């Protein structure tokens, strides 16, 4: 399993290589909000 950081980097690396960019952005947005919720839980 890849770490969450690797997942985020892969989103940027593959963003312009994938045919379905909407799915890539959906994954990035989900990753971003999951990080925000994670920080809120810590605080």
PDB file of N, CA and C in Angstrom:
ATOM      1  N   UNK A   1       0.826  -1.204   0.000  1.00  0.00           N
ATOM      2  CA  UNK A   1       0.000   0.000   0.000  1.00  0.00           C
ATOM      3  C   UNK A   1       0.863   1.258   0.000  1.00  0.00           C
ATOM      4  N   UNK A   2       0.484   2.209  -0.816  1.00  0.00           N
ATOM      5  CA  UNK A   2       1.242   3.461  -0.851  1.00  0.00           C
ATOM      6  C   UNK A   2       0.807   4.361   0.296  1.00  0.00           C
ATOM      7  N   UNK A   3       1.737   5.177   0.769  1.00  0.00           N
ATOM      8  CA  UNK A   3       1.371   6.114   1.831  1.00  0.00           C
ATOM      9  C   UNK A   3       0.528   7.238   1.253  1.00  0.00           C
ATOM     10  N   UNK A   4      -0.127   8.010   2.130  1.00  0.00           N
ATOM     11  CA  UNK A   4      -0.980   9.090   1.662  1.00  0.00           C
ATOM     12  C   UNK A   4      -0.162  10.152   0.933  1.00  0.00           C
ATOM     13  N   UNK A   5       1.082  10.374   1.365  1.00  0.00           N
ATOM     14  CA  UNK A   5       1.921  11.366   0.701  1.00  0.00           C
ATOM     15  C   UNK A   5       2.242  10.919  -0.723  1.00  0.00           C
ATOM     16  N   UNK A   6       2.572   9.634  -0.903  1.00  0.00           N
ATOM     17  CA  UNK A   6       2.862   9.117  -2.237  1.00  0.00           C
ATOM     18  C   UNK A   6       1.637   9.243  -3.127  1.00  0.00           C
ATOM     19  N   UNK A   7       0.454   9.001  -2.561  1.00  0.00           N
ATOM     20  CA  UNK A   7      -0.785   9.125  -3.324  1.00  0.00           C
ATOM     21  C   UNK A   7      -0.948  10.551  -3.840  1.00  0.00           C
ATOM     22  N   UNK A   8      -0.689  11.531  -2.981  1.00  0.00           N
ATOM     23  CA  UNK A   8      -0.819  12.926  -3.385  1.00  0.00           C
ATOM     24  C   UNK A   8       0.162  13.280  -4.491  1.00  0.00           C
ATOM     25  N   UNK A   9       1.406  12.805  -4.371  1.00  0.00           N
ATOM     26  CA  UNK A   9       2.419  13.081  -5.396  1.00  0.00           C
ATOM     27  C   UNK A   9       2.027  12.431  -6.712  1.00  0.00           C
ATOM     28  N   UNK A  10       1.499  11.207  -6.644  1.00  0.00           N
ATOM     29  CA  UNK A  10       1.106  10.515  -7.866  1.00  0.00           C
ATOM     30  C   UNK A  10      -0.022  11.239  -8.589  1.00  0.00           C
ATOM     31  N   UNK A  11      -0.911  11.868  -7.828  1.00  0.00           N
ATOM     32  CA  UNK A  11      -1.989  12.637  -8.448  1.00  0.00           C
ATOM     33  C   UNK A  11      -1.397  13.731  -9.333  1.00  0.00           C
ATOM     34  N   UNK A  12      -0.385  14.441  -8.842  1.00  0.00           N
ATOM     35  CA  UNK A  12       0.222  15.506  -9.637  1.00  0.00           C
ATOM     36  C   UNK A  12       1.005  14.936 -10.810  1.00  0.00           C
ATOM     37  N   UNK A  13       1.698  13.818 -10.597  1.00  0.00           N
ATOM     38  CA  UNK A  13       2.509  13.227 -11.653  1.00  0.00           C
ATOM     39  C   UNK A  13       1.647  12.701 -12.792  1.00  0.00           C
ATOM     40  N   UNK A  14       0.489  12.139 -12.458  1.00  0.00           N
ATOM     41  CA  UNK A  14      -0.349  11.503 -13.473  1.00  0.00           C
ATOM     42  C   UNK A  14      -1.460  12.402 -13.983  1.00  0.00           C
ATOM     43  N   UNK A  15      -1.555  13.619 -13.459  1.00  0.00           N
ATOM     44  CA  UNK A  15      -2.694  14.481 -13.765  1.00  0.00           C
ATOM     45  C   UNK A  15      -2.875  14.680 -15.267  1.00  0.00           C
ATOM     46  N   UNK A  16      -1.777  14.969 -15.966  1.00  0.00           N
ATOM     47  CA  UNK A  16      -1.869  15.264 -17.398  1.00  0.00           C
ATOM     48  C   UNK A  16      -1.625  14.030 -18.256  1.00  0.00           C
ATOM     49  N   UNK A  17      -1.366  12.886 -17.613  1.00  0.00           N
ATOM     50  CA  UNK A  17      -1.138  11.656 -18.365  1.00  0.00           C
ATOM     51  C   UNK A  17      -2.406  10.821 -18.483  1.00  0.00           C
ATOM     52  N   UNK A  18      -3.369  11.081 -17.592  1.00  0.00           N
ATOM     53  CA  UNK A  18      -4.601  10.299 -17.605  1.00  0.00           C
ATOM     54  C   UNK A  18      -5.595  10.903 -18.582  1.00  0.00           C
ATOM     55  N   UNK A  19      -6.392  10.037 -19.217  1.00  0.00           N
ATOM     56  CA  UNK A  19      -7.409  10.527 -20.147  1.00  0.00           C
ATOM     57  C   UNK A  19      -8.582  11.133 -19.382  1.00  0.00           C
ATOM     58  N   UNK A  20      -8.931  10.526 -18.244  1.00  0.00           N
ATOM     59  CA  UNK A  20     -10.064  11.025 -17.473  1.00  0.00           C
ATOM     60  C   UNK A  20      -9.554  11.923 -16.350  1.00  0.00           C
ATOM     61  N   UNK A  21      -9.363  13.200 -16.659  1.00  0.00           N
ATOM     62  CA  UNK A  21      -8.792  14.141 -15.689  1.00  0.00           C
ATOM     63  C   UNK A  21      -9.756  14.391 -14.534  1.00  0.00           C
ATOM     64  N   UNK A  22     -11.067  14.295 -14.811  1.00  0.00           N
ATOM     65  CA  UNK A  22     -12.050  14.553 -13.748  1.00  0.00           C
ATOM     66  C   UNK A  22     -11.864  13.573 -12.605  1.00  0.00           C
ATOM     67  N   UNK A  23     -11.571  12.304 -12.935  1.00  0.00           N
ATOM     68  CA  UNK A  23     -11.363  11.314 -11.879  1.00  0.00           C
ATOM     69  C   UNK A  23     -10.109  11.661 -11.088  1.00  0.00           C
ATOM     70  N   UNK A  24      -9.074  12.139 -11.755  1.00  0.00           N
ATOM     71  CA  UNK A  24      -7.843  12.524 -11.067  1.00  0.00           C
ATOM     72  C   UNK A  24      -8.115  13.672 -10.097  1.00  0.00           C
ATOM     73  N   UNK A  25      -8.878  14.671 -10.548  1.00  0.00           N
ATOM     74  CA  UNK A  25      -9.170  15.807  -9.674  1.00  0.00           C
ATOM     75  C   UNK A  25     -10.066  15.391  -8.520  1.00  0.00           C
ATOM     76  N   UNK A  26     -10.990  14.468  -8.779  1.00  0.00           N
ATOM     77  CA  UNK A  26     -11.843  13.968  -7.701  1.00  0.00           C
ATOM     78  C   UNK A  26     -10.987  13.296  -6.633  1.00  0.00           C
ATOM     79  N   UNK A  27     -10.011  12.520  -7.058  1.00  0.00           N
ATOM     80  CA  UNK A  27      -9.111  11.866  -6.113  1.00  0.00           C
ATOM     81  C   UNK A  27      -8.282  12.878  -5.338  1.00  0.00           C
ATOM     82  N   UNK A  28      -7.837  13.922  -6.027  1.00  0.00           N
ATOM     83  CA  UNK A  28      -7.028  14.943  -5.362  1.00  0.00           C
ATOM     84  C   UNK A  28      -7.850  15.693  -4.324  1.00  0.00           C
ATOM     85  N   UNK A  29      -9.092  16.052  -4.695  1.00  0.00           N
ATOM     86  CA  UNK A  29      -9.962  16.776  -3.763  1.00  0.00           C
ATOM     87  C   UNK A  29     -10.272  15.907  -2.550  1.00  0.00           C
ATOM     88  N   UNK A  30     -10.539  14.622  -2.782  1.00  0.00           N
ATOM     89  CA  UNK A  30     -10.801  13.703  -1.671  1.00  0.00           C
ATOM     90  C   UNK A  30      -9.581  13.605  -0.762  1.00  0.00           C
ATOM     91  N   UNK A  31      -8.394  13.532  -1.361  1.00  0.00           N
ATOM     92  CA  UNK A  31      -7.152  13.468  -0.596  1.00  0.00           C
ATOM     93  C   UNK A  31      -6.967  14.741   0.229  1.00  0.00           C
ATOM     94  N   UNK A  32      -7.243  15.902  -0.378  1.00  0.00           N
ATOM     95  CA  UNK A  32      -7.064  17.183   0.304  1.00  0.00           C
ATOM     96  C   UNK A  32      -7.979  17.286   1.515  1.00  0.00           C
ATOM     97  N   UNK A  33      -9.269  16.954   1.314  1.00  0.00           N
ATOM     98  CA  UNK A  33     -10.206  17.077   2.422  1.00  0.00           C
ATOM     99  C   UNK A  33      -9.934  16.025   3.495  1.00  0.00           C
ATOM    100  N   UNK A  34      -9.462  14.845   3.107  1.00  0.00           N
ATOM    101  CA  UNK A  34      -9.140  13.830   4.104  1.00  0.00           C
ATOM    102  C   UNK A  34      -7.986  14.313   4.986  1.00  0.00           C
ATOM    103  N   UNK A  35      -7.033  15.036   4.391  1.00  0.00           N
ATOM    104  CA  UNK A  35      -5.934  15.602   5.172  1.00  0.00           C
ATOM    105  C   UNK A  35      -6.460  16.664   6.131  1.00  0.00           C
ATOM    106  N   UNK A  36      -7.386  17.503   5.676  1.00  0.00           N
ATOM    107  CA  UNK A  36      -7.934  18.544   6.526  1.00  0.00           C
ATOM    108  C   UNK A  36      -8.680  17.948   7.717  1.00  0.00           C
ATOM    109  N   UNK A  37      -9.495  16.925   7.439  1.00  0.00           N
ATOM    110  CA  UNK A  37     -10.221  16.275   8.535  1.00  0.00           C
ATOM    111  C   UNK A  37      -9.244  15.610   9.500  1.00  0.00           C
ATOM    112  N   UNK A  38      -8.163  15.038   8.974  1.00  0.00           N
ATOM    113  CA  UNK A  38      -7.158  14.391   9.816  1.00  0.00           C
ATOM    114  C   UNK A  38      -6.532  15.410  10.764  1.00  0.00           C
ATOM    115  N   UNK A  39      -6.234  16.602  10.240  1.00  0.00           N
ATOM    116  CA  UNK A  39      -5.652  17.654  11.083  1.00  0.00           C
ATOM    117  C   UNK A  39      -6.656  18.114  12.138  1.00  0.00           C
ATOM    118  N   UNK A  40      -7.921  18.225  11.760  1.00  0.00           N
ATOM    119  CA  UNK A  40      -8.940  18.650  12.719  1.00  0.00           C
ATOM    120  C   UNK A  40      -9.077  17.639  13.850  1.00  0.00           C
ATOM    121  N   UNK A  41      -8.966  16.355  13.505  1.00  0.00           N
ATOM    122  CA  UNK A  41      -9.073  15.318  14.535  1.00  0.00           C
ATOM    123  C   UNK A  41      -7.908  15.431  15.522  1.00  0.00           C
ATOM    124  N   UNK A  42      -6.713  15.729  15.000  1.00  0.00           N
ATOM    125  CA  UNK A  42      -5.541  15.862  15.877  1.00  0.00           C
ATOM    126  C   UNK A  42      -5.741  17.043  16.834  1.00  0.00           C
ATOM    127  N   UNK A  43      -6.223  18.155  16.280  1.00  0.00           N
ATOM    128  CA  UNK A  43      -6.407  19.352  17.112  1.00  0.00           C
ATOM    129  C   UNK A  43      -7.561  19.111  18.081  1.00  0.00           C
TER     130      UNK A  43
END
